[in-house]
Amino acid sequence: MPIYEYRCEACGRISNVFVRSVRAKVAATCEHCGGTDLKRLMSRVGRVKSTQDVVDEYGAPRTGEGYRDPRQIGHWVEQRFQDYGMEVPAETREMIDRAREGDLPEDISGV
């Protein structure tokens, strides 16, 4: 189910159009001005970083060195629980997942 991007020729703004099928006919209208003269754009591609991508980008933390990416912190915590044969508590799991999305707790982000 693709989401297409269009630039309105009338107002110049970009609109997103959700389509249920690649084969479906699209009758796009500008979500800003209601115009129908739209030009389809080439959308950017997003990609999720793997654990290896994070290590390649930031390096593996050394003893006594802080982590520079929340995914490294979460991975370390998950590994410690696994080492001890324990399940990650729900509250900890929620915090790890939020950190991976960029929502850091105050005591970690320094806010």
N, C-alpha and C. Protein backbone atom coordinates (compact mmCIF):
# COMPACT_ATOMS: atom_id res chain seq x y z
N MET A 1 0.84 -1.17 0.00
CA MET A 1 0.00 0.00 0.00
C MET A 1 0.88 1.24 0.00
N PRO A 2 1.10 1.82 -1.15
CA PRO A 2 2.02 2.95 -1.25
C PRO A 2 1.40 4.28 -0.83
N ILE A 3 2.28 5.19 -0.47
CA ILE A 3 1.91 6.58 -0.22
C ILE A 3 2.68 7.39 -1.25
N TYR A 4 1.95 8.06 -2.13
CA TYR A 4 2.58 8.85 -3.18
C TYR A 4 2.64 10.32 -2.76
N GLU A 5 3.65 11.02 -3.24
CA GLU A 5 3.79 12.45 -2.99
C GLU A 5 3.56 13.21 -4.28
N TYR A 6 2.82 14.31 -4.17
CA TYR A 6 2.52 15.17 -5.32
C TYR A 6 2.80 16.61 -4.96
N ARG A 7 3.29 17.37 -5.95
CA ARG A 7 3.46 18.82 -5.77
C ARG A 7 2.34 19.51 -6.53
N CYS A 8 1.66 20.40 -5.84
CA CYS A 8 0.55 21.14 -6.43
C CYS A 8 1.11 22.26 -7.31
N GLU A 9 0.65 22.32 -8.56
CA GLU A 9 1.10 23.37 -9.47
C GLU A 9 0.51 24.72 -9.10
N ALA A 10 -0.62 24.74 -8.37
CA ALA A 10 -1.26 26.00 -7.99
C ALA A 10 -0.58 26.65 -6.79
N CYS A 11 -0.35 25.87 -5.71
CA CYS A 11 0.22 26.47 -4.48
C CYS A 11 1.67 26.05 -4.22
N GLY A 12 2.15 25.04 -4.95
CA GLY A 12 3.54 24.62 -4.80
C GLY A 12 3.82 23.73 -3.60
N ARG A 13 2.80 23.40 -2.83
CA ARG A 13 3.00 22.57 -1.63
C ARG A 13 2.89 21.09 -1.98
N ILE A 14 3.44 20.26 -1.10
CA ILE A 14 3.45 18.81 -1.32
C ILE A 14 2.32 18.16 -0.54
N SER A 15 1.63 17.23 -1.19
CA SER A 15 0.56 16.46 -0.58
C SER A 15 0.91 14.98 -0.66
N ASN A 16 0.51 14.23 0.36
CA ASN A 16 0.69 12.78 0.40
C ASN A 16 -0.64 12.12 0.11
N VAL A 17 -0.61 11.10 -0.74
CA VAL A 17 -1.84 10.39 -1.10
C VAL A 17 -1.64 8.90 -0.83
N PHE A 18 -2.43 8.36 0.08
CA PHE A 18 -2.39 6.94 0.41
C PHE A 18 -3.20 6.18 -0.63
N VAL A 19 -2.61 5.13 -1.20
CA VAL A 19 -3.28 4.34 -2.24
C VAL A 19 -3.33 2.89 -1.77
N ARG A 20 -4.49 2.26 -1.91
CA ARG A 20 -4.65 0.89 -1.42
C ARG A 20 -3.95 -0.16 -2.28
N SER A 21 -3.67 0.17 -3.53
CA SER A 21 -3.02 -0.78 -4.43
C SER A 21 -2.16 -0.02 -5.43
N VAL A 22 -1.07 -0.64 -5.84
CA VAL A 22 -0.19 -0.03 -6.84
C VAL A 22 -0.94 0.15 -8.16
N ARG A 23 -1.89 -0.74 -8.45
CA ARG A 23 -2.64 -0.70 -9.70
C ARG A 23 -3.84 0.26 -9.68
N ALA A 24 -4.16 0.77 -8.50
CA ALA A 24 -5.33 1.65 -8.38
C ALA A 24 -5.09 2.98 -9.09
N LYS A 25 -6.14 3.50 -9.69
CA LYS A 25 -6.08 4.80 -10.35
C LYS A 25 -6.13 5.88 -9.25
N VAL A 26 -5.27 6.86 -9.36
CA VAL A 26 -5.17 7.89 -8.33
C VAL A 26 -5.75 9.20 -8.87
N ALA A 27 -6.74 9.74 -8.16
CA ALA A 27 -7.30 11.05 -8.48
C ALA A 27 -6.90 11.97 -7.33
N ALA A 28 -5.67 12.45 -7.37
CA ALA A 28 -5.12 13.23 -6.26
C ALA A 28 -5.61 14.67 -6.29
N THR A 29 -5.85 15.20 -5.09
CA THR A 29 -6.16 16.62 -4.92
C THR A 29 -5.23 17.17 -3.84
N CYS A 30 -4.90 18.44 -3.97
CA CYS A 30 -4.01 19.08 -3.00
C CYS A 30 -4.71 19.17 -1.65
N GLU A 31 -4.04 18.67 -0.62
CA GLU A 31 -4.63 18.72 0.71
C GLU A 31 -4.56 20.12 1.33
N HIS A 32 -3.89 21.05 0.65
CA HIS A 32 -3.73 22.41 1.17
C HIS A 32 -4.69 23.40 0.52
N CYS A 33 -4.79 23.34 -0.83
CA CYS A 33 -5.64 24.31 -1.52
C CYS A 33 -6.78 23.66 -2.30
N GLY A 34 -6.79 22.33 -2.38
CA GLY A 34 -7.85 21.63 -3.10
C GLY A 34 -7.62 21.53 -4.59
N GLY A 35 -6.48 22.02 -5.07
CA GLY A 35 -6.18 21.99 -6.50
C GLY A 35 -6.05 20.56 -7.03
N THR A 36 -6.29 20.41 -8.33
CA THR A 36 -6.21 19.08 -8.95
C THR A 36 -5.08 18.97 -9.97
N ASP A 37 -4.34 20.06 -10.18
CA ASP A 37 -3.21 20.03 -11.10
C ASP A 37 -1.95 19.69 -10.30
N LEU A 38 -1.71 18.39 -10.13
CA LEU A 38 -0.61 17.92 -9.30
C LEU A 38 0.39 17.14 -10.14
N LYS A 39 1.66 17.23 -9.76
CA LYS A 39 2.72 16.49 -10.42
C LYS A 39 3.31 15.50 -9.42
N ARG A 40 3.35 14.24 -9.82
CA ARG A 40 3.85 13.20 -8.91
C ARG A 40 5.36 13.35 -8.75
N LEU A 41 5.82 13.22 -7.49
CA LEU A 41 7.24 13.36 -7.16
C LEU A 41 7.87 12.00 -6.89
N MET A 42 9.17 11.96 -6.96
CA MET A 42 9.91 10.77 -6.58
C MET A 42 10.12 10.87 -5.06
N SER A 43 9.57 9.96 -4.31
CA SER A 43 9.66 9.99 -2.85
C SER A 43 11.02 9.53 -2.38
N ARG A 44 11.41 10.04 -1.20
CA ARG A 44 12.64 9.58 -0.58
C ARG A 44 12.44 8.18 -0.03
N VAL A 45 13.50 7.44 0.04
CA VAL A 45 13.45 6.09 0.57
C VAL A 45 14.04 6.10 1.98
N GLY A 46 13.33 5.49 2.91
CA GLY A 46 13.82 5.38 4.28
C GLY A 46 14.33 3.97 4.53
N ARG A 47 15.26 3.85 5.43
CA ARG A 47 15.77 2.53 5.76
C ARG A 47 16.09 2.49 7.24
N VAL A 48 15.84 1.36 7.86
CA VAL A 48 16.10 1.17 9.27
C VAL A 48 17.53 0.66 9.42
N LYS A 49 18.25 1.23 10.39
CA LYS A 49 19.63 0.79 10.63
C LYS A 49 19.62 -0.50 11.42
N SER A 50 20.48 -1.42 11.02
CA SER A 50 20.66 -2.66 11.77
C SER A 50 21.63 -2.40 12.91
N THR A 51 21.74 -3.34 13.83
CA THR A 51 22.71 -3.23 14.91
C THR A 51 24.11 -3.07 14.35
N GLN A 52 24.43 -3.81 13.29
CA GLN A 52 25.76 -3.70 12.69
C GLN A 52 25.98 -2.33 12.08
N ASP A 53 24.94 -1.73 11.47
CA ASP A 53 25.06 -0.38 10.92
C ASP A 53 25.42 0.62 12.03
N VAL A 54 24.78 0.47 13.20
CA VAL A 54 25.04 1.37 14.33
C VAL A 54 26.48 1.20 14.81
N VAL A 55 26.92 -0.04 14.95
CA VAL A 55 28.31 -0.29 15.38
C VAL A 55 29.28 0.27 14.35
N ASP A 56 28.98 0.08 13.06
CA ASP A 56 29.85 0.62 12.01
C ASP A 56 29.92 2.15 12.07
N GLU A 57 28.79 2.78 12.36
CA GLU A 57 28.73 4.24 12.39
C GLU A 57 29.35 4.82 13.66
N TYR A 58 29.02 4.26 14.83
CA TYR A 58 29.46 4.82 16.10
C TYR A 58 30.59 4.05 16.76
N GLY A 59 30.83 2.83 16.29
CA GLY A 59 31.84 1.99 16.92
C GLY A 59 31.28 1.29 18.14
N ALA A 60 31.91 0.22 18.52
CA ALA A 60 31.50 -0.50 19.73
C ALA A 60 32.04 0.26 20.93
N PRO A 61 31.23 0.44 21.97
CA PRO A 61 31.71 1.19 23.14
C PRO A 61 32.83 0.43 23.85
N ARG A 62 33.82 1.18 24.29
CA ARG A 62 34.94 0.58 25.03
C ARG A 62 34.64 0.67 26.52
N THR A 63 35.35 -0.10 27.30
CA THR A 63 35.17 -0.09 28.75
C THR A 63 35.35 1.33 29.27
N GLY A 64 34.37 1.78 30.05
CA GLY A 64 34.43 3.12 30.62
C GLY A 64 33.98 4.22 29.69
N GLU A 65 33.65 3.89 28.46
CA GLU A 65 33.22 4.89 27.49
C GLU A 65 31.70 4.86 27.40
N GLY A 66 31.08 6.00 27.33
CA GLY A 66 29.63 6.07 27.22
C GLY A 66 29.13 5.66 25.84
N TYR A 67 27.89 5.31 25.79
CA TYR A 67 27.27 4.96 24.52
C TYR A 67 26.86 6.23 23.80
N ARG A 68 26.96 6.21 22.47
CA ARG A 68 26.61 7.40 21.69
C ARG A 68 25.31 7.24 20.93
N ASP A 69 24.66 6.11 21.07
CA ASP A 69 23.43 5.86 20.34
C ASP A 69 22.50 5.05 21.23
N PRO A 70 21.22 5.42 21.34
CA PRO A 70 20.31 4.70 22.24
C PRO A 70 20.12 3.23 21.87
N ARG A 71 20.32 2.89 20.59
CA ARG A 71 20.18 1.49 20.21
C ARG A 71 21.28 0.65 20.84
N GLN A 72 22.47 1.22 21.05
CA GLN A 72 23.54 0.50 21.70
C GLN A 72 23.20 0.25 23.16
N ILE A 73 22.62 1.23 23.82
CA ILE A 73 22.24 1.07 25.23
C ILE A 73 21.22 -0.05 25.36
N GLY A 74 20.17 0.00 24.53
CA GLY A 74 19.13 -1.01 24.57
C GLY A 74 19.67 -2.40 24.30
N HIS A 75 20.56 -2.50 23.32
CA HIS A 75 21.15 -3.79 22.99
C HIS A 75 21.95 -4.33 24.18
N TRP A 76 22.72 -3.46 24.84
CA TRP A 76 23.51 -3.86 25.99
C TRP A 76 22.60 -4.37 27.11
N VAL A 77 21.52 -3.65 27.40
CA VAL A 77 20.59 -4.06 28.46
C VAL A 77 19.95 -5.40 28.11
N GLU A 78 19.49 -5.54 26.87
CA GLU A 78 18.89 -6.81 26.46
C GLU A 78 19.88 -7.96 26.60
N GLN A 79 21.13 -7.72 26.24
CA GLN A 79 22.16 -8.76 26.33
C GLN A 79 22.41 -9.16 27.78
N ARG A 80 22.44 -8.19 28.70
CA ARG A 80 22.68 -8.50 30.12
C ARG A 80 21.53 -9.36 30.67
N PHE A 81 20.29 -9.01 30.34
CA PHE A 81 19.16 -9.83 30.80
C PHE A 81 19.26 -11.24 30.23
N GLN A 82 19.64 -11.35 28.96
CA GLN A 82 19.77 -12.66 28.34
C GLN A 82 20.89 -13.46 29.01
N ASP A 83 22.01 -12.80 29.32
CA ASP A 83 23.12 -13.47 29.98
C ASP A 83 22.71 -14.09 31.31
N TYR A 84 21.82 -13.41 32.03
CA TYR A 84 21.35 -13.89 33.33
C TYR A 84 20.11 -14.78 33.22
N GLY A 85 19.67 -15.05 31.99
CA GLY A 85 18.53 -15.93 31.78
C GLY A 85 17.22 -15.33 32.25
N MET A 86 17.12 -14.02 32.17
CA MET A 86 15.91 -13.32 32.65
C MET A 86 15.19 -12.64 31.49
N GLU A 87 13.89 -12.48 31.65
CA GLU A 87 13.09 -11.71 30.69
C GLU A 87 13.28 -10.22 30.99
N VAL A 88 13.28 -9.41 29.96
CA VAL A 88 13.34 -7.96 30.13
C VAL A 88 11.99 -7.51 30.68
N PRO A 89 11.96 -6.81 31.84
CA PRO A 89 10.68 -6.33 32.39
C PRO A 89 9.97 -5.41 31.39
N ALA A 90 8.64 -5.43 31.45
CA ALA A 90 7.82 -4.65 30.51
C ALA A 90 8.19 -3.16 30.52
N GLU A 91 8.40 -2.59 31.70
CA GLU A 91 8.73 -1.17 31.80
C GLU A 91 10.09 -0.88 31.13
N THR A 92 11.05 -1.77 31.32
CA THR A 92 12.36 -1.62 30.70
C THR A 92 12.25 -1.77 29.19
N ARG A 93 11.48 -2.76 28.74
CA ARG A 93 11.27 -2.98 27.31
C ARG A 93 10.66 -1.73 26.68
N GLU A 94 9.68 -1.13 27.35
CA GLU A 94 9.02 0.08 26.83
C GLU A 94 10.03 1.23 26.72
N MET A 95 10.89 1.38 27.74
CA MET A 95 11.88 2.44 27.72
C MET A 95 12.89 2.23 26.59
N ILE A 96 13.31 0.98 26.38
CA ILE A 96 14.25 0.68 25.29
C ILE A 96 13.62 1.01 23.95
N ASP A 97 12.37 0.58 23.76
CA ASP A 97 11.69 0.84 22.49
C ASP A 97 11.52 2.33 22.23
N ARG A 98 11.17 3.10 23.29
CA ARG A 98 11.03 4.55 23.13
C ARG A 98 12.36 5.19 22.78
N ALA A 99 13.44 4.74 23.43
CA ALA A 99 14.77 5.29 23.15
C ALA A 99 15.18 5.01 21.71
N ARG A 100 14.83 3.84 21.21
CA ARG A 100 15.17 3.51 19.82
C ARG A 100 14.43 4.40 18.84
N GLU A 101 13.29 4.96 19.27
CA GLU A 101 12.54 5.88 18.43
C GLU A 101 12.99 7.33 18.65
N GLY A 102 13.97 7.54 19.56
CA GLY A 102 14.49 8.89 19.79
C GLY A 102 13.92 9.59 21.00
N ASP A 103 13.03 8.95 21.75
CA ASP A 103 12.43 9.54 22.95
C ASP A 103 13.25 9.10 24.15
N LEU A 104 14.28 9.90 24.50
CA LEU A 104 15.18 9.53 25.59
C LEU A 104 14.65 10.02 26.93
N PRO A 105 14.84 9.22 27.99
CA PRO A 105 14.48 9.67 29.33
C PRO A 105 15.32 10.88 29.70
N GLU A 106 14.81 11.72 30.60
CA GLU A 106 15.50 12.96 30.98
C GLU A 106 16.90 12.71 31.50
N ASP A 107 17.09 11.68 32.34
CA ASP A 107 18.40 11.46 32.94
C ASP A 107 19.43 10.97 31.93
N ILE A 108 19.01 10.49 30.77
CA ILE A 108 19.95 10.07 29.72
C ILE A 108 20.21 11.22 28.76
N SER A 109 19.17 11.96 28.40
CA SER A 109 19.33 13.01 27.39
C SER A 109 19.90 14.30 27.96
N GLY A 110 19.89 14.44 29.31
CA GLY A 110 20.43 15.64 29.94
C GLY A 110 19.47 16.80 29.89
N VAL A 111 18.22 16.58 29.54
CA VAL A 111 17.23 17.65 29.45
C VAL A 111 16.71 17.99 30.82
